[in-house]
PDB file of N, CA and C in Angstrom:
ATOM      1  N   UNK A   1      -3.209  -8.037  21.669  1.00  0.00           N
ATOM      2  CA  UNK A   1      -3.728  -7.114  20.686  1.00  0.00           C
ATOM      3  C   UNK A   1      -3.950  -7.855  19.373  1.00  0.00           C
ATOM      4  N   UNK A   2      -5.125  -7.690  18.807  1.00  0.00           N
ATOM      5  CA  UNK A   2      -5.471  -8.369  17.564  1.00  0.00           C
ATOM      6  C   UNK A   2      -5.545  -7.332  16.449  1.00  0.00           C
ATOM      7  N   UNK A   3      -4.831  -7.592  15.372  1.00  0.00           N
ATOM      8  CA  UNK A   3      -4.828  -6.685  14.238  1.00  0.00           C
ATOM      9  C   UNK A   3      -5.116  -7.475  12.978  1.00  0.00           C
ATOM     10  N   UNK A   4      -5.806  -6.829  12.060  1.00  0.00           N
ATOM     11  CA  UNK A   4      -6.018  -7.427  10.752  1.00  0.00           C
ATOM     12  C   UNK A   4      -4.782  -7.153   9.905  1.00  0.00           C
ATOM     13  N   UNK A   5      -4.323  -8.173   9.239  1.00  0.00           N
ATOM     14  CA  UNK A   5      -3.119  -8.070   8.431  1.00  0.00           C
ATOM     15  C   UNK A   5      -3.488  -8.228   6.958  1.00  0.00           C
ATOM     16  N   UNK A   6      -2.948  -7.344   6.126  1.00  0.00           N
ATOM     17  CA  UNK A   6      -3.101  -7.445   4.684  1.00  0.00           C
ATOM     18  C   UNK A   6      -1.944  -8.305   4.174  1.00  0.00           C
ATOM     19  N   UNK A   7      -2.237  -9.574   3.894  1.00  0.00           N
ATOM     20  CA  UNK A   7      -1.186 -10.513   3.520  1.00  0.00           C
ATOM     21  C   UNK A   7      -0.498 -10.126   2.221  1.00  0.00           C
ATOM     22  N   UNK A   8      -1.239  -9.534   1.290  1.00  0.00           N
ATOM     23  CA  UNK A   8      -0.606  -9.086   0.041  1.00  0.00           C
ATOM     24  C   UNK A   8       0.418  -8.000   0.317  1.00  0.00           C
ATOM     25  N   UNK A   9       0.103  -7.075   1.230  1.00  0.00           N
ATOM     26  CA  UNK A   9       1.047  -6.028   1.610  1.00  0.00           C
ATOM     27  C   UNK A   9       2.297  -6.648   2.225  1.00  0.00           C
ATOM     28  N   UNK A  10       2.109  -7.598   3.125  1.00  0.00           N
ATOM     29  CA  UNK A  10       3.239  -8.224   3.803  1.00  0.00           C
ATOM     30  C   UNK A  10       4.148  -8.922   2.790  1.00  0.00           C
ATOM     31  N   UNK A  11       3.562  -9.717   1.913  1.00  0.00           N
ATOM     32  CA  UNK A  11       4.363 -10.466   0.948  1.00  0.00           C
ATOM     33  C   UNK A  11       5.001  -9.562  -0.102  1.00  0.00           C
ATOM     34  N   UNK A  12       4.293  -8.500  -0.510  1.00  0.00           N
ATOM     35  CA  UNK A  12       4.863  -7.548  -1.454  1.00  0.00           C
ATOM     36  C   UNK A  12       6.051  -6.825  -0.818  1.00  0.00           C
ATOM     37  N   UNK A  13       5.882  -6.364   0.416  1.00  0.00           N
ATOM     38  CA  UNK A  13       6.978  -5.689   1.109  1.00  0.00           C
ATOM     39  C   UNK A  13       8.159  -6.642   1.295  1.00  0.00           C
ATOM     40  N   UNK A  14       7.881  -7.889   1.652  1.00  0.00           N
ATOM     41  CA  UNK A  14       8.959  -8.866   1.807  1.00  0.00           C
ATOM     42  C   UNK A  14       9.759  -8.997   0.508  1.00  0.00           C
ATOM     43  N   UNK A  15       9.079  -9.171  -0.611  1.00  0.00           N
ATOM     44  CA  UNK A  15       9.764  -9.333  -1.900  1.00  0.00           C
ATOM     45  C   UNK A  15      10.606  -8.107  -2.240  1.00  0.00           C
ATOM     46  N   UNK A  16      10.080  -6.927  -1.971  1.00  0.00           N
ATOM     47  CA  UNK A  16      10.816  -5.699  -2.286  1.00  0.00           C
ATOM     48  C   UNK A  16      12.009  -5.516  -1.362  1.00  0.00           C
ATOM     49  N   UNK A  17      11.870  -5.886  -0.094  1.00  0.00           N
ATOM     50  CA  UNK A  17      12.999  -5.829   0.832  1.00  0.00           C
ATOM     51  C   UNK A  17      14.068  -6.814   0.386  1.00  0.00           C
ATOM     52  N   UNK A  18      13.649  -7.993  -0.005  1.00  0.00           N
ATOM     53  CA  UNK A  18      14.595  -9.016  -0.465  1.00  0.00           C
ATOM     54  C   UNK A  18      15.322  -8.555  -1.736  1.00  0.00           C
ATOM     55  N   UNK A  19      14.606  -7.912  -2.641  1.00  0.00           N
ATOM     56  CA  UNK A  19      15.194  -7.474  -3.913  1.00  0.00           C
ATOM     57  C   UNK A  19      16.047  -6.207  -3.760  1.00  0.00           C
ATOM     58  N   UNK A  20      15.561  -5.231  -3.012  1.00  0.00           N
ATOM     59  CA  UNK A  20      16.206  -3.918  -2.963  1.00  0.00           C
ATOM     60  C   UNK A  20      17.016  -3.673  -1.692  1.00  0.00           C
ATOM     61  N   UNK A  21      16.837  -4.521  -0.689  1.00  0.00           N
ATOM     62  CA  UNK A  21      17.504  -4.302   0.591  1.00  0.00           C
ATOM     63  C   UNK A  21      18.949  -4.754   0.610  1.00  0.00           C
ATOM     64  N   UNK A  22      19.621  -4.374   1.664  1.00  0.00           N
ATOM     65  CA  UNK A  22      21.017  -4.759   1.871  1.00  0.00           C
ATOM     66  C   UNK A  22      21.055  -6.134   2.540  1.00  0.00           C
ATOM     67  N   UNK A  23      21.804  -7.062   1.949  1.00  0.00           N
ATOM     68  CA  UNK A  23      21.926  -8.411   2.499  1.00  0.00           C
ATOM     69  C   UNK A  23      22.887  -8.398   3.682  1.00  0.00           C
ATOM     70  N   UNK A  24      22.429  -8.988   4.797  1.00  0.00           N
ATOM     71  CA  UNK A  24      23.244  -9.088   6.010  1.00  0.00           C
ATOM     72  C   UNK A  24      22.993 -10.434   6.661  1.00  0.00           C
ATOM     73  N   UNK A  25      23.926 -11.355   6.524  1.00  0.00           N
ATOM     74  CA  UNK A  25      23.876 -12.655   7.194  1.00  0.00           C
ATOM     75  C   UNK A  25      22.552 -13.385   6.991  1.00  0.00           C
ATOM     76  N   UNK A  26      22.133 -13.536   5.747  1.00  0.00           N
ATOM     77  CA  UNK A  26      20.918 -14.270   5.439  1.00  0.00           C
ATOM     78  C   UNK A  26      19.634 -13.478   5.591  1.00  0.00           C
ATOM     79  N   UNK A  27      19.758 -12.218   5.968  1.00  0.00           N
ATOM     80  CA  UNK A  27      18.598 -11.337   6.109  1.00  0.00           C
ATOM     81  C   UNK A  27      18.782 -10.165   5.158  1.00  0.00           C
ATOM     82  N   UNK A  28      17.684  -9.482   4.858  1.00  0.00           N
ATOM     83  CA  UNK A  28      17.744  -8.276   4.041  1.00  0.00           C
ATOM     84  C   UNK A  28      17.120  -7.129   4.832  1.00  0.00           C
ATOM     85  N   UNK A  29      17.736  -5.956   4.720  1.00  0.00           N
ATOM     86  CA  UNK A  29      17.278  -4.783   5.462  1.00  0.00           C
ATOM     87  C   UNK A  29      17.023  -3.648   4.487  1.00  0.00           C
ATOM     88  N   UNK A  30      15.842  -3.032   4.620  1.00  0.00           N
ATOM     89  CA  UNK A  30      15.477  -1.895   3.772  1.00  0.00           C
ATOM     90  C   UNK A  30      14.610  -0.947   4.580  1.00  0.00           C
ATOM     91  N   UNK A  31      14.998   0.309   4.624  1.00  0.00           N
ATOM     92  CA  UNK A  31      14.213   1.364   5.283  1.00  0.00           C
ATOM     93  C   UNK A  31      13.781   0.980   6.700  1.00  0.00           C
ATOM     94  N   UNK A  32      14.686   0.362   7.448  1.00  0.00           N
ATOM     95  CA  UNK A  32      14.419   0.046   8.847  1.00  0.00           C
ATOM     96  C   UNK A  32      13.657  -1.241   9.090  1.00  0.00           C
ATOM     97  N   UNK A  33      13.377  -1.998   8.043  1.00  0.00           N
ATOM     98  CA  UNK A  33      12.663  -3.267   8.188  1.00  0.00           C
ATOM     99  C   UNK A  33      13.598  -4.403   7.770  1.00  0.00           C
ATOM    100  N   UNK A  34      13.685  -5.412   8.614  1.00  0.00           N
ATOM    101  CA  UNK A  34      14.487  -6.601   8.343  1.00  0.00           C
ATOM    102  C   UNK A  34      13.557  -7.729   7.931  1.00  0.00           C
ATOM    103  N   UNK A  35      13.912  -8.436   6.850  1.00  0.00           N
ATOM    104  CA  UNK A  35      13.090  -9.524   6.328  1.00  0.00           C
ATOM    105  C   UNK A  35      13.933 -10.770   6.135  1.00  0.00           C
ATOM    106  N   UNK A  36      13.365 -11.914   6.506  1.00  0.00           N
ATOM    107  CA  UNK A  36      14.042 -13.190   6.292  1.00  0.00           C
ATOM    108  C   UNK A  36      13.021 -14.321   6.393  1.00  0.00           C
ATOM    109  N   UNK A  37      13.440 -15.530   6.011  1.00  0.00           N
ATOM    110  CA  UNK A  37      12.578 -16.704   6.100  1.00  0.00           C
ATOM    111  C   UNK A  37      13.274 -17.781   6.918  1.00  0.00           C
ATOM    112  N   UNK A  38      12.504 -18.815   7.264  1.00  0.00           N
ATOM    113  CA  UNK A  38      13.111 -19.970   7.908  1.00  0.00           C
ATOM    114  C   UNK A  38      13.839 -20.797   6.852  1.00  0.00           C
ATOM    115  N   UNK A  39      14.425 -21.913   7.239  1.00  0.00           N
ATOM    116  CA  UNK A  39      15.270 -22.694   6.331  1.00  0.00           C
ATOM    117  C   UNK A  39      14.523 -23.235   5.116  1.00  0.00           C
ATOM    118  N   UNK A  40      13.209 -23.495   5.224  1.00  0.00           N
ATOM    119  CA  UNK A  40      12.477 -24.034   4.073  1.00  0.00           C
ATOM    120  C   UNK A  40      11.681 -22.978   3.315  1.00  0.00           C
ATOM    121  N   UNK A  41      11.680 -21.740   3.801  1.00  0.00           N
ATOM    122  CA  UNK A  41      11.016 -20.646   3.103  1.00  0.00           C
ATOM    123  C   UNK A  41       9.521 -20.539   3.332  1.00  0.00           C
ATOM    124  N   UNK A  42       8.961 -21.381   4.196  1.00  0.00           N
ATOM    125  CA  UNK A  42       7.518 -21.343   4.436  1.00  0.00           C
ATOM    126  C   UNK A  42       7.095 -20.334   5.486  1.00  0.00           C
ATOM    127  N   UNK A  43       8.025 -19.864   6.283  1.00  0.00           N
ATOM    128  CA  UNK A  43       7.715 -18.870   7.305  1.00  0.00           C
ATOM    129  C   UNK A  43       8.502 -17.605   7.002  1.00  0.00           C
ATOM    130  N   UNK A  44       7.790 -16.469   6.964  1.00  0.00           N
ATOM    131  CA  UNK A  44       8.381 -15.163   6.672  1.00  0.00           C
ATOM    132  C   UNK A  44       8.421 -14.357   7.967  1.00  0.00           C
ATOM    133  N   UNK A  45       9.544 -13.703   8.208  1.00  0.00           N
ATOM    134  CA  UNK A  45       9.712 -12.848   9.375  1.00  0.00           C
ATOM    135  C   UNK A  45       9.987 -11.420   8.902  1.00  0.00           C
ATOM    136  N   UNK A  46       9.287 -10.470   9.471  1.00  0.00           N
ATOM    137  CA  UNK A  46       9.547  -9.047   9.240  1.00  0.00           C
ATOM    138  C   UNK A  46       9.682  -8.395  10.607  1.00  0.00           C
ATOM    139  N   UNK A  47      10.729  -7.592  10.775  1.00  0.00           N
ATOM    140  CA  UNK A  47      10.981  -6.929  12.049  1.00  0.00           C
ATOM    141  C   UNK A  47      11.353  -5.478  11.825  1.00  0.00           C
ATOM    142  N   UNK A  48      10.871  -4.623  12.707  1.00  0.00           N
ATOM    143  CA  UNK A  48      11.244  -3.218  12.674  1.00  0.00           C
ATOM    144  C   UNK A  48      10.313  -2.387  13.528  1.00  0.00           C
ATOM    145  N   UNK A  49      10.791  -1.257  14.002  1.00  0.00           N
ATOM    146  CA  UNK A  49      10.014  -0.319  14.804  1.00  0.00           C
ATOM    147  C   UNK A  49       9.433  -0.987  16.056  1.00  0.00           C
ATOM    148  N   UNK A  50      10.166  -1.955  16.621  1.00  0.00           N
ATOM    149  CA  UNK A  50       9.722  -2.625  17.836  1.00  0.00           C
ATOM    150  C   UNK A  50       8.690  -3.717  17.603  1.00  0.00           C
ATOM    151  N   UNK A  51       8.466  -4.099  16.341  1.00  0.00           N
ATOM    152  CA  UNK A  51       7.463  -5.105  15.988  1.00  0.00           C
ATOM    153  C   UNK A  51       8.159  -6.303  15.349  1.00  0.00           C
ATOM    154  N   UNK A  52       7.704  -7.500  15.708  1.00  0.00           N
ATOM    155  CA  UNK A  52       8.138  -8.713  15.015  1.00  0.00           C
ATOM    156  C   UNK A  52       6.886  -9.414  14.505  1.00  0.00           C
ATOM    157  N   UNK A  53       6.833  -9.624  13.187  1.00  0.00           N
ATOM    158  CA  UNK A  53       5.724 -10.319  12.543  1.00  0.00           C
ATOM    159  C   UNK A  53       6.246 -11.649  12.019  1.00  0.00           C
ATOM    160  N   UNK A  54       5.548 -12.706  12.362  1.00  0.00           N
ATOM    161  CA  UNK A  54       5.845 -14.038  11.845  1.00  0.00           C
ATOM    162  C   UNK A  54       4.646 -14.479  11.021  1.00  0.00           C
ATOM    163  N   UNK A  55       4.860 -14.685   9.729  1.00  0.00           N
ATOM    164  CA  UNK A  55       3.791 -15.123   8.829  1.00  0.00           C
ATOM    165  C   UNK A  55       4.085 -16.555   8.420  1.00  0.00           C
ATOM    166  N   UNK A  56       3.186 -17.453   8.806  1.00  0.00           N
ATOM    167  CA  UNK A  56       3.383 -18.874   8.558  1.00  0.00           C
ATOM    168  C   UNK A  56       2.544 -19.337   7.379  1.00  0.00           C
ATOM    169  N   UNK A  57       2.772 -20.580   7.007  1.00  0.00           N
ATOM    170  CA  UNK A  57       2.019 -21.229   5.942  1.00  0.00           C
ATOM    171  C   UNK A  57       0.522 -21.122   6.227  1.00  0.00           C
ATOM    172  N   UNK A  58      -0.294 -20.995   5.208  1.00  0.00           N
ATOM    173  CA  UNK A  58      -1.753 -20.840   5.307  1.00  0.00           C
ATOM    174  C   UNK A  58      -2.164 -19.540   6.006  1.00  0.00           C
ATOM    175  N   UNK A  59      -1.313 -18.511   5.892  1.00  0.00           N
ATOM    176  CA  UNK A  59      -1.606 -17.171   6.405  1.00  0.00           C
ATOM    177  C   UNK A  59      -1.901 -17.116   7.897  1.00  0.00           C
ATOM    178  N   UNK A  60      -1.309 -18.010   8.655  1.00  0.00           N
ATOM    179  CA  UNK A  60      -1.348 -17.881  10.110  1.00  0.00           C
ATOM    180  C   UNK A  60      -0.235 -16.916  10.490  1.00  0.00           C
ATOM    181  N   UNK A  61      -0.478 -16.050  11.451  1.00  0.00           N
ATOM    182  CA  UNK A  61       0.544 -15.082  11.814  1.00  0.00           C
ATOM    183  C   UNK A  61       0.562 -14.805  13.313  1.00  0.00           C
ATOM    184  N   UNK A  62       1.716 -14.289  13.744  1.00  0.00           N
ATOM    185  CA  UNK A  62       1.894 -13.824  15.124  1.00  0.00           C
ATOM    186  C   UNK A  62       2.519 -12.442  15.071  1.00  0.00           C
ATOM    187  N   UNK A  63       2.070 -11.579  15.940  1.00  0.00           N
ATOM    188  CA  UNK A  63       2.626 -10.238  16.074  1.00  0.00           C
ATOM    189  C   UNK A  63       3.135 -10.068  17.489  1.00  0.00           C
ATOM    190  N   UNK A  64       4.291  -9.451  17.624  1.00  0.00           N
ATOM    191  CA  UNK A  64       4.840  -9.154  18.939  1.00  0.00           C
ATOM    192  C   UNK A  64       5.261  -7.690  18.947  1.00  0.00           C
ATOM    193  N   UNK A  65       4.633  -6.900  19.810  1.00  0.00           N
ATOM    194  CA  UNK A  65       4.980  -5.492  19.974  1.00  0.00           C
ATOM    195  C   UNK A  65       4.398  -5.002  21.292  1.00  0.00           C
ATOM    196  N   UNK A  66       4.875  -3.840  21.745  1.00  0.00           N
ATOM    197  CA  UNK A  66       4.466  -3.318  23.052  1.00  0.00           C
ATOM    198  C   UNK A  66       3.292  -2.354  23.003  1.00  0.00           C
ATOM    199  N   UNK A  67       3.153  -1.592  21.911  1.00  0.00           N
ATOM    200  CA  UNK A  67       2.071  -0.604  21.869  1.00  0.00           C
ATOM    201  C   UNK A  67       1.621  -0.338  20.437  1.00  0.00           C
ATOM    202  N   UNK A  68       0.466   0.258  20.321  1.00  0.00           N
ATOM    203  CA  UNK A  68      -0.137   0.533  19.023  1.00  0.00           C
ATOM    204  C   UNK A  68       0.677   1.466  18.152  1.00  0.00           C
ATOM    205  N   UNK A  69       1.424   2.372  18.761  1.00  0.00           N
ATOM    206  CA  UNK A  69       2.251   3.293  17.980  1.00  0.00           C
ATOM    207  C   UNK A  69       3.320   2.518  17.206  1.00  0.00           C
ATOM    208  N   UNK A  70       3.920   1.528  17.851  1.00  0.00           N
ATOM    209  CA  UNK A  70       4.920   0.705  17.168  1.00  0.00           C
ATOM    210  C   UNK A  70       4.292  -0.014  15.974  1.00  0.00           C
ATOM    211  N   UNK A  71       3.117  -0.595  16.184  1.00  0.00           N
ATOM    212  CA  UNK A  71       2.436  -1.307  15.103  1.00  0.00           C
ATOM    213  C   UNK A  71       2.111  -0.362  13.951  1.00  0.00           C
ATOM    214  N   UNK A  72       1.604   0.814  14.260  1.00  0.00           N
ATOM    215  CA  UNK A  72       1.270   1.789  13.218  1.00  0.00           C
ATOM    216  C   UNK A  72       2.508   2.193  12.410  1.00  0.00           C
ATOM    217  N   UNK A  73       3.636   2.421  13.085  1.00  0.00           N
ATOM    218  CA  UNK A  73       4.877   2.781  12.390  1.00  0.00           C
ATOM    219  C   UNK A  73       5.347   1.636  11.496  1.00  0.00           C
ATOM    220  N   UNK A  74       5.226   0.423  11.983  1.00  0.00           N
ATOM    221  CA  UNK A  74       5.624  -0.760  11.232  1.00  0.00           C
ATOM    222  C   UNK A  74       4.803  -0.897   9.953  1.00  0.00           C
ATOM    223  N   UNK A  75       3.491  -0.803  10.077  1.00  0.00           N
ATOM    224  CA  UNK A  75       2.612  -0.922   8.904  1.00  0.00           C
ATOM    225  C   UNK A  75       2.865   0.219   7.933  1.00  0.00           C
ATOM    226  N   UNK A  76       3.068   1.422   8.439  1.00  0.00           N
ATOM    227  CA  UNK A  76       3.363   2.567   7.569  1.00  0.00           C
ATOM    228  C   UNK A  76       4.669   2.329   6.798  1.00  0.00           C
ATOM    229  N   UNK A  77       5.681   1.774   7.463  1.00  0.00           N
ATOM    230  CA  UNK A  77       6.949   1.477   6.790  1.00  0.00           C
ATOM    231  C   UNK A  77       6.755   0.428   5.701  1.00  0.00           C
ATOM    232  N   UNK A  78       5.948  -0.604   5.972  1.00  0.00           N
ATOM    233  CA  UNK A  78       5.684  -1.624   4.955  1.00  0.00           C
ATOM    234  C   UNK A  78       4.951  -1.025   3.763  1.00  0.00           C
ATOM    235  N   UNK A  79       3.992  -0.149   4.016  1.00  0.00           N
ATOM    236  CA  UNK A  79       3.268   0.506   2.919  1.00  0.00           C
ATOM    237  C   UNK A  79       4.216   1.369   2.095  1.00  0.00           C
ATOM    238  N   UNK A  80       5.105   2.100   2.769  1.00  0.00           N
ATOM    239  CA  UNK A  80       6.065   2.942   2.055  1.00  0.00           C
ATOM    240  C   UNK A  80       6.992   2.104   1.177  1.00  0.00           C
ATOM    241  N   UNK A  81       7.427   0.965   1.671  1.00  0.00           N
ATOM    242  CA  UNK A  81       8.273   0.066   0.881  1.00  0.00           C
ATOM    243  C   UNK A  81       7.476  -0.481  -0.294  1.00  0.00           C
ATOM    244  N   UNK A  82       6.269  -0.931  -0.034  1.00  0.00           N
ATOM    245  CA  UNK A  82       5.431  -1.514  -1.081  1.00  0.00           C
ATOM    246  C   UNK A  82       5.154  -0.515  -2.202  1.00  0.00           C
ATOM    247  N   UNK A  83       4.887   0.722  -1.836  1.00  0.00           N
ATOM    248  CA  UNK A  83       4.549   1.746  -2.820  1.00  0.00           C
ATOM    249  C   UNK A  83       5.777   2.410  -3.431  1.00  0.00           C
ATOM    250  N   UNK A  84       6.911   2.371  -2.729  1.00  0.00           N
ATOM    251  CA  UNK A  84       8.072   3.146  -3.149  1.00  0.00           C
ATOM    252  C   UNK A  84       9.105   2.415  -3.977  1.00  0.00           C
ATOM    253  N   UNK A  85       8.950   1.114  -4.110  1.00  0.00           N
ATOM    254  CA  UNK A  85       9.926   0.325  -4.865  1.00  0.00           C
ATOM    255  C   UNK A  85       9.198  -0.498  -5.914  1.00  0.00           C
ATOM    256  N   UNK A  86       9.886  -0.731  -7.034  1.00  0.00           N
ATOM    257  CA  UNK A  86       9.286  -1.535  -8.101  1.00  0.00           C
ATOM    258  C   UNK A  86       9.253  -2.998  -7.699  1.00  0.00           C
ATOM    259  N   UNK A  87       8.238  -3.695  -8.173  1.00  0.00           N
ATOM    260  CA  UNK A  87       8.142  -5.120  -7.940  1.00  0.00           C
ATOM    261  C   UNK A  87       9.220  -5.827  -8.732  1.00  0.00           C
ATOM    262  N   UNK A  88       9.944  -6.751  -8.118  1.00  0.00           N
ATOM    263  CA  UNK A  88      10.990  -7.475  -8.837  1.00  0.00           C
ATOM    264  C   UNK A  88      10.420  -8.151 -10.092  1.00  0.00           C
ATOM    265  N   UNK A  89      11.120  -7.987 -11.207  1.00  0.00           N
ATOM    266  CA  UNK A  89      10.717  -8.627 -12.453  1.00  0.00           C
ATOM    267  C   UNK A  89       9.682  -7.866 -13.272  1.00  0.00           C
ATOM    268  N   UNK A  90       9.144  -6.784 -12.730  1.00  0.00           N
ATOM    269  CA  UNK A  90       8.166  -5.992 -13.476  1.00  0.00           C
ATOM    270  C   UNK A  90       8.738  -4.608 -13.754  1.00  0.00           C
ATOM    271  N   UNK A  91       8.457  -4.120 -14.919  1.00  0.00           N
ATOM    272  CA  UNK A  91       8.891  -2.767 -15.274  1.00  0.00           C
ATOM    273  C   UNK A  91       7.690  -1.876 -15.402  1.00  0.00           C
ATOM    274  N   UNK A  92       7.841  -0.647 -14.985  1.00  0.00           N
ATOM    275  CA  UNK A  92       6.765   0.331 -15.161  1.00  0.00           C
ATOM    276  C   UNK A  92       6.775   0.802 -16.594  1.00  0.00           C
ATOM    277  N   UNK A  93       5.619   1.081 -17.112  1.00  0.00           N
ATOM    278  CA  UNK A  93       5.651   1.561 -18.488  1.00  0.00           C
ATOM    279  C   UNK A  93       4.366   1.858 -19.001  1.00  0.00           C
TER     280      UNK A  93
END
């Protein structure tokens, strides 16, 4: 299955999960999505709702999931995180 990925959404959600999520053994969890990186920080992993997204350097990515419903729930959760939490270091005003 091939899906178009909004890299800004992915990276924004990752930052918000890292900032606002609960830290658990090198990973952060927020609203059912787990976010972490590899040892050098160049690869970002997001997991939840039966989906695993691997975002590599130069915006190469891999998606692993069983059906479109899982993917839709995953993207909806990322959008909710992106829209529902403040960006780290920025204040609304």
